Protein backbone atom coordinates (compact mmCIF):
# COMPACT_ATOMS: atom_id res chain seq x y z
CA MET A 1 12.48 24.80 23.16
CA VAL A 2 13.20 27.66 25.43
CA GLN A 3 12.00 30.83 23.90
CA TRP A 4 13.25 34.53 25.05
CA VAL A 5 12.41 38.28 25.11
CA ARG A 6 14.04 41.16 26.32
CA SER A 7 13.59 41.77 29.90
CA GLY A 8 12.37 45.47 28.78
CA VAL A 9 9.20 44.21 29.22
CA MET A 10 9.17 44.32 32.50
CA GLU A 11 9.06 47.84 32.77
CA GLY A 12 6.37 49.66 34.86
CA ALA A 13 6.14 46.34 37.00
CA SER A 14 7.94 46.99 39.56
CA GLY A 15 6.35 50.66 40.33
CA LEU A 16 2.88 48.78 39.95
CA VAL A 17 3.76 45.71 42.37
CA ALA A 18 4.84 48.58 45.05
CA GLU A 19 1.39 50.71 44.34
CA LEU A 20 -0.79 47.64 45.01
CA GLY A 21 1.02 47.03 47.97
CA GLY A 22 3.44 44.03 46.89
CA ASP A 23 7.30 43.27 46.98
CA PHE A 24 8.60 43.25 43.51
CA ARG A 25 11.85 41.01 44.24
CA THR A 26 10.04 38.76 46.27
CA LEU A 27 7.64 37.99 43.20
CA ALA A 28 10.36 38.28 40.98
CA ARG A 29 12.58 35.56 43.11
CA ALA A 30 9.40 33.20 43.30
CA ALA A 31 8.08 33.25 39.27
CA GLY A 32 11.87 32.58 38.26
CA VAL A 33 12.89 36.06 37.45
CA PRO A 34 16.34 36.79 37.84
CA LEU A 35 17.00 40.30 39.27
CA SER A 36 20.25 41.04 37.33
CA PRO A 37 18.79 41.46 33.80
CA MET A 38 15.97 44.77 35.74
CA THR A 39 19.73 46.75 35.27
CA ASN A 40 19.37 46.12 31.47
CA PRO A 41 16.52 46.13 29.60
CA ASP A 42 18.41 44.23 26.41
CA LEU A 43 19.54 41.54 28.13
CA PRO A 44 17.51 38.45 27.46
CA MET A 45 14.90 36.74 30.08
CA ARG A 46 12.79 33.20 29.54
CA VAL A 47 9.13 34.28 28.21
CA ASP A 48 7.81 31.20 30.30
CA ARG A 49 9.20 33.50 33.50
CA PHE A 50 7.86 36.66 32.42
CA VAL A 51 3.97 34.40 31.79
CA ALA A 52 4.80 33.17 35.21
CA PHE A 53 5.52 36.48 37.15
CA LEU A 54 2.91 38.37 35.85
CA GLU A 55 0.18 35.58 36.94
CA LEU A 56 2.12 35.67 40.04
CA ALA A 57 1.68 39.17 40.68
CA SER A 58 -2.49 38.66 39.70
CA SER A 59 -2.85 35.99 42.26
CA GLN A 60 -0.40 36.98 44.93
CA LEU A 61 -1.80 40.90 44.67
CA ALA A 62 -5.31 39.82 44.34
CA ALA A 63 -5.15 41.83 41.25
CA PRO A 64 -7.21 40.16 38.57
CA SER A 65 -5.95 43.07 35.74
CA PHE A 66 -2.43 43.38 36.51
CA GLY A 67 -1.55 42.79 33.39
CA LEU A 68 -3.94 45.52 31.97
CA GLN A 69 -2.90 47.70 34.67
CA LEU A 70 0.45 47.31 33.58
CA GLY A 71 -0.30 48.27 29.97
CA PRO A 72 0.16 51.97 30.65
CA ARG A 73 2.80 52.17 32.06
CA GLN A 74 4.79 50.56 29.57
CA SER A 75 5.33 52.13 25.46
CA LEU A 76 7.09 51.21 22.61
CA SER A 77 10.69 51.43 23.89
CA LEU A 78 9.90 47.71 25.44
CA PHE A 79 10.64 46.49 22.15
CA GLY A 80 13.96 48.12 22.28
CA PRO A 81 15.66 48.81 18.67
CA MET A 82 12.43 47.95 17.25
CA ALA A 83 10.35 50.78 18.44
CA SER A 84 12.39 53.44 16.13
CA LEU A 85 11.33 50.98 13.12
CA LEU A 86 7.50 51.36 14.58
CA GLY A 87 7.65 54.90 15.47
CA SER A 88 9.23 55.70 12.07
CA ALA A 89 5.93 54.56 10.06
CA ALA A 90 4.51 56.76 8.30
CA THR A 91 0.80 55.53 9.37
CA VAL A 92 -0.47 53.42 12.05
CA ARG A 93 -1.14 50.78 9.23
CA ASP A 94 2.25 50.96 8.10
CA MET A 95 3.36 51.04 12.39
CA ILE A 96 1.34 47.62 12.60
CA LEU A 97 2.33 45.73 9.60
CA ASP A 98 5.95 46.08 11.13
CA LEU A 99 4.76 45.34 14.31
CA VAL A 100 3.30 42.15 12.55
CA ASP A 101 6.28 41.68 10.35
CA PHE A 102 8.94 41.82 12.53
CA PHE A 103 7.73 40.59 15.97
CA PRO A 104 9.73 37.29 15.85
CA VAL A 105 12.79 39.10 16.27
CA HIS A 106 11.76 40.50 19.59
CA THR A 107 10.62 37.48 20.40
CA GLN A 108 9.75 33.92 19.04
CA GLY A 109 7.17 32.66 22.26
CA THR A 110 4.21 34.85 21.12
CA ILE A 111 2.68 34.58 17.60
CA VAL A 112 1.20 37.97 15.97
CA GLY A 113 -1.15 37.79 13.22
CA LEU A 114 -3.55 40.31 10.97
CA GLU A 115 -6.45 39.65 9.50
CA PRO A 116 -8.98 41.25 7.37
CA ALA A 117 -12.14 42.66 9.05
CA ASP A 118 -15.10 44.60 7.33
CA GLU A 119 -14.08 47.55 9.25
CA GLY A 120 -10.31 47.28 9.11
CA LEU A 121 -7.67 44.63 10.21
CA LEU A 122 -8.49 42.52 13.38
CA LEU A 123 -4.29 42.23 14.93
CA THR A 124 -4.23 38.36 16.79
CA TYR A 125 -2.04 37.73 19.51
CA GLU A 126 -1.13 34.16 20.93
CA LEU A 127 1.02 32.68 22.80
CA THR A 128 3.49 29.78 21.01
CA ALA A 129 2.30 26.15 22.61
CA ASP A 130 6.07 25.66 24.06
CA VAL A 131 5.47 28.59 26.47
CA GLY A 132 2.54 27.27 27.99
CA SER A 133 -1.15 27.60 28.85
CA GLN A 134 -1.25 30.53 30.97
CA GLN A 135 -2.05 33.39 29.08
CA ARG A 136 -4.48 35.53 30.83
CA GLN A 137 -2.43 38.31 32.26
CA VAL A 138 -0.04 38.32 29.28
CA ILE A 139 -2.39 38.84 26.67
CA GLU A 140 -4.50 41.72 28.25
CA LEU A 141 -1.25 43.30 29.05
CA GLY A 142 -0.35 42.99 25.27
CA PHE A 143 -3.54 44.51 24.14
CA SER A 144 -2.93 46.93 26.76
CA VAL A 145 0.04 48.47 25.30
CA ILE A 146 -1.38 48.46 21.78
CA ALA A 147 -4.31 50.55 23.07
CA ARG A 148 -2.26 52.88 25.03
CA GLU A 149 0.28 53.54 21.65
CA MET A 150 -3.19 53.76 19.65
CA ARG A 151 -4.56 56.58 21.84
CA ARG A 152 -0.92 58.56 21.14
CA HIS A 153 -2.27 58.65 17.65
CA ASP A 154 -6.23 59.40 18.60
CA PRO A 155 -6.77 60.19 21.94
CA VAL A 156 -9.92 59.04 21.84
CA TRP A 157 -9.56 56.11 20.50
CA LEU A 158 -11.20 52.60 21.88
CA PRO A 159 -11.45 49.08 20.02
CA LYS A 160 -14.65 48.62 18.65
CA LEU A 161 -14.41 44.68 19.57
CA VAL A 162 -11.94 42.74 21.75
CA SER A 163 -11.97 38.93 21.78
CA MET A 164 -10.18 36.80 24.14
CA ARG A 165 -10.01 33.16 24.94
CA HIS A 166 -10.15 33.62 28.59
CA GLY A 167 -13.35 34.17 30.79
CA PRO A 168 -14.31 37.43 32.17
CA PRO A 169 -13.08 38.52 35.63
CA THR A 170 -15.34 39.42 38.08
CA ASN A 171 -14.97 43.17 37.58
CA LEU A 172 -14.65 44.41 34.31
CA THR A 173 -14.06 48.58 35.21
CA VAL A 174 -10.15 48.64 34.54
CA HIS A 175 -11.33 46.75 31.31
CA HIS A 176 -14.11 49.14 30.20
CA ARG A 177 -11.67 52.30 30.68
CA LEU A 178 -8.93 50.66 28.79
CA LEU A 179 -10.12 48.53 25.99
CA GLY A 180 -13.81 49.67 25.39
CA HIS A 181 -16.93 47.89 26.11
CA ARG A 182 -17.14 45.14 23.32
CA ILE A 183 -15.18 42.92 24.84
CA LEU A 184 -15.92 39.19 24.13
CA PHE A 185 -14.49 37.07 26.76
CA ASN A 186 -14.39 32.63 26.12
CA ALA A 187 -13.58 33.44 22.10
CA ASP A 188 -12.18 31.75 19.62
CA ARG A 189 -9.34 33.69 19.24
CA ASN A 190 -7.43 36.77 21.05
CA ALA A 191 -7.83 39.93 18.79
CA LEU A 192 -8.10 43.54 18.25
CA LEU A 193 -10.08 44.98 16.01
CA LEU A 194 -7.91 48.34 14.32
CA ASP A 195 -10.40 50.54 12.54
CA ASP A 196 -9.75 51.92 9.19
CA GLN A 197 -9.80 55.51 10.36
CA LEU A 198 -7.26 54.44 13.19
CA LEU A 199 -4.97 52.84 10.58
CA ALA A 200 -4.76 55.85 8.10
CA ARG A 201 -3.61 58.34 11.06
CA PRO A 202 0.10 59.52 10.65
CA VAL A 203 2.40 58.08 12.89
CA ILE A 204 3.64 60.94 15.38
CA GLY A 205 7.27 61.48 14.67
CA ALA A 206 7.16 59.44 11.23
CA ASP A 207 10.50 59.52 9.38
CA PRO A 208 10.58 58.36 6.27
CA THR A 209 14.67 58.11 5.92
CA ILE A 210 14.81 56.25 9.06
CA HIS A 211 12.22 54.03 8.48
CA GLN A 212 13.55 52.81 5.01
CA HIS A 213 17.03 52.11 6.76
CA LEU A 214 15.58 50.27 9.54
CA ALA A 215 12.84 48.13 7.33
CA ALA A 216 16.03 46.72 5.77
CA LEU A 217 17.80 45.51 8.55
CA TYR A 218 14.72 44.28 10.06
CA GLY A 219 14.08 42.30 7.01
CA SER A 220 17.15 40.54 6.51
CA ALA A 221 17.04 39.34 10.23
CA ALA A 222 13.67 38.72 9.95
CA LYS A 223 14.81 36.30 6.87
CA SER A 224 17.74 34.86 8.83
CA LEU A 225 15.72 33.54 11.65
CA ASP A 226 15.21 29.87 12.55
CA GLY A 227 12.20 27.99 12.55
CA GLN A 228 10.17 30.60 10.32
CA GLU A 229 8.08 27.15 8.61
CA LEU A 230 7.44 25.70 12.27
CA ARG A 231 5.85 29.58 13.58
CA LYS A 232 4.00 29.24 10.34
CA THR A 233 2.63 26.22 10.66
CA GLU A 234 1.29 26.51 14.61
CA ALA A 235 -0.18 30.11 13.50
CA LEU A 236 -1.90 28.43 10.98
CA ILE A 237 -3.02 25.49 12.96
CA ARG A 238 -4.24 27.64 16.21
CA ALA A 239 -6.24 30.23 13.40
CA LEU A 240 -8.61 27.73 11.34
CA LEU A 241 -9.04 25.26 14.68
CA PRO A 242 -12.33 26.61 15.60
CA PHE A 243 -13.29 26.61 11.81
CA ALA A 244 -12.47 23.54 9.98
CA PRO A 245 -10.43 20.35 10.89
CA ILE A 246 -6.69 21.05 9.62
CA ASP A 247 -4.62 18.48 7.99
CA LEU A 248 -0.89 18.14 6.51
CA ALA A 249 -2.42 18.83 2.83
CA LEU A 250 -4.55 21.48 3.55
CA ALA A 251 -1.68 23.54 5.82
CA ALA A 252 0.91 23.00 2.88
CA ARG A 253 -1.35 24.23 0.25
CA LEU A 254 -2.48 27.42 2.54
CA LEU A 255 1.40 27.72 3.43
CA ARG A 256 2.31 27.72 -0.57
CA THR A 257 4.42 24.55 -0.49
CA SER A 258 4.14 20.66 -1.00
CA ARG A 259 3.55 18.36 1.74
CA ARG A 260 6.72 16.58 1.33
CA THR A 261 8.37 19.74 1.93
CA LEU A 262 6.49 21.52 4.81
CA GLN A 263 6.82 17.73 6.73
CA ARG A 264 10.82 17.81 5.91
CA ARG A 265 11.21 21.28 7.20
CA LEU A 266 8.97 20.38 10.54
CA ALA A 267 11.06 16.97 10.63
CA ALA A 268 14.07 19.25 10.78
CA LYS A 269 12.64 20.87 13.76
CA GLY A 270 11.98 17.39 15.70
CA THR A 271 8.43 17.35 15.08
CA SER A 272 5.66 16.63 12.65
CA PHE A 273 2.63 18.04 11.39
CA ASP A 274 0.49 15.74 13.64
CA ASP A 275 2.68 16.19 16.70
CA LEU A 276 2.27 19.96 16.40
CA ARG A 277 -1.72 19.99 15.70
CA ALA A 278 -1.90 17.68 19.05
CA LYS A 279 0.49 19.90 20.85
CA VAL A 280 -1.34 23.10 19.80
CA ARG A 281 -5.08 21.28 20.82
CA ALA A 282 -3.61 20.23 24.12
CA SER A 283 -2.18 23.58 24.99
CA LEU A 284 -5.63 25.38 24.29
CA ALA A 285 -7.42 23.00 25.75
CA THR A 286 -5.87 23.38 29.24
CA LEU A 287 -6.12 27.08 28.41
CA TYR A 288 -9.40 26.69 27.99
CA LEU A 289 -10.58 24.46 30.77
CA ARG A 290 -8.15 26.73 33.25
CA GLU A 291 -9.15 30.05 32.06
CA SER A 292 -12.65 29.88 29.99
CA SER A 293 -16.44 29.42 31.37
CA LEU A 294 -16.92 27.59 28.25
CA SER A 295 -18.42 24.35 28.96
CA VAL A 296 -16.47 21.09 28.33
CA GLY A 297 -18.36 20.52 25.09
CA GLU A 298 -18.10 23.63 23.65
CA ILE A 299 -14.09 23.28 24.18
CA ALA A 300 -14.64 20.10 22.26
CA GLU A 301 -16.09 21.85 19.61
CA ILE A 302 -14.03 24.61 18.87
CA LEU A 303 -11.00 22.40 19.40
CA GLN A 304 -12.72 20.17 16.24
CA PHE A 305 -13.44 17.00 18.30
CA SER A 306 -16.16 14.94 17.15
CA GLU A 307 -17.52 14.70 20.82
CA THR A 308 -16.56 14.94 24.49
CA SER A 309 -15.57 12.05 25.41
CA ALA A 310 -12.78 12.15 22.54
CA LEU A 311 -11.62 15.54 24.19
CA SER A 312 -11.38 13.44 27.53
CA ARG A 313 -9.40 10.44 26.03
CA PHE A 314 -7.57 13.18 23.76
CA MET A 315 -6.16 15.15 27.68
CA LYS A 316 -6.04 11.73 29.67
CA ARG A 317 -3.10 10.49 27.15
CA THR A 318 -1.72 13.67 26.53
CA SER A 319 -1.69 15.03 29.99
CA GLY A 320 -3.12 12.36 32.17
CA GLN A 321 -5.54 14.07 33.62
CA SER A 322 -9.44 14.19 32.77
CA PRO A 323 -10.82 17.76 31.30
CA ARG A 324 -13.01 18.28 34.76
CA ILE A 325 -9.86 17.48 36.47
CA ILE A 326 -7.75 19.78 35.38
CA ARG A 327 -10.48 22.58 35.41
CA LYS A 328 -11.00 21.46 39.19
CA GLU A 329 -7.56 22.00 40.15
CA SER A 330 -7.24 25.52 37.77
CA ALA A 331 -6.65 28.80 40.00
CA GLY A 332 -9.06 30.52 37.57
CA PRO A 333 -13.26 30.36 37.22
CA HIS A 334 -14.91 27.48 37.86
CA PRO A 335 -17.56 27.06 35.58
CA ALA A 336 -19.69 23.57 35.52
CA ALA A 337 -18.23 21.25 32.85
């Protein structure tokens, strides 16, 4: 299924490419990004091509932190009309809650969620399995944009914890400057900690009247979106996989529905729970093999395979390649398996 996003997500990209000595039009064409939408940020763009552009720019320009560097050049305006909703919220907590609740209206190619933490809330960020397994640049871009917005409300703020599924670059200077020093790579999720003190801060430009009106509009739009059960189920699988096996019965219970209802709704989208779980596992396995420093055994454990050989058989069946071959052919880190 093709996933779309506003072409406004390319904000600042041409300037950064030029600054790094590259040619934006050449990179855009090579990634399959049409140049015509660049003149109108509201026109749709394929999410997978945006991800490909970021990865290609990083590789071609020898800029391992391209996505991270792009973040400070962007603002909430990349969300288009939703920026007014976020910017009119009363507190940072309200803004983040709105972002999570209404993000599917912006794009269904990513999964944004919140998890409670001892010191605040963990903002989680994942690409859906339909978009693909390359994620380093787009995940770091997303966290960089959020960090920039948080510093509008607290100029010295840095997250107390950031975790990312991919491995670290050789040089962490840009990461430390924009995301602080508490960064965990090769992690079981992509997450950024928003502390309680930050969440309680008032939003600069808050407007309760505008916010109430826009929240009602976006609430209606979010409820009318097709495929919500599919997105929620995929998000649940991604969240639980590192900690426990998940089956249809558990997923249905956590989603507060019956097994039969969940299976029927997934079937209406052309899939089943078992197929979706396999798709997510294959996507995450490929991601870890290409972009992390984890051993094949560690990857098997995270993805709930009983042993390394079970992961190998699964990858040969789903991708036609063994974990060792996928890792060897990767353009990313080359850790020992």
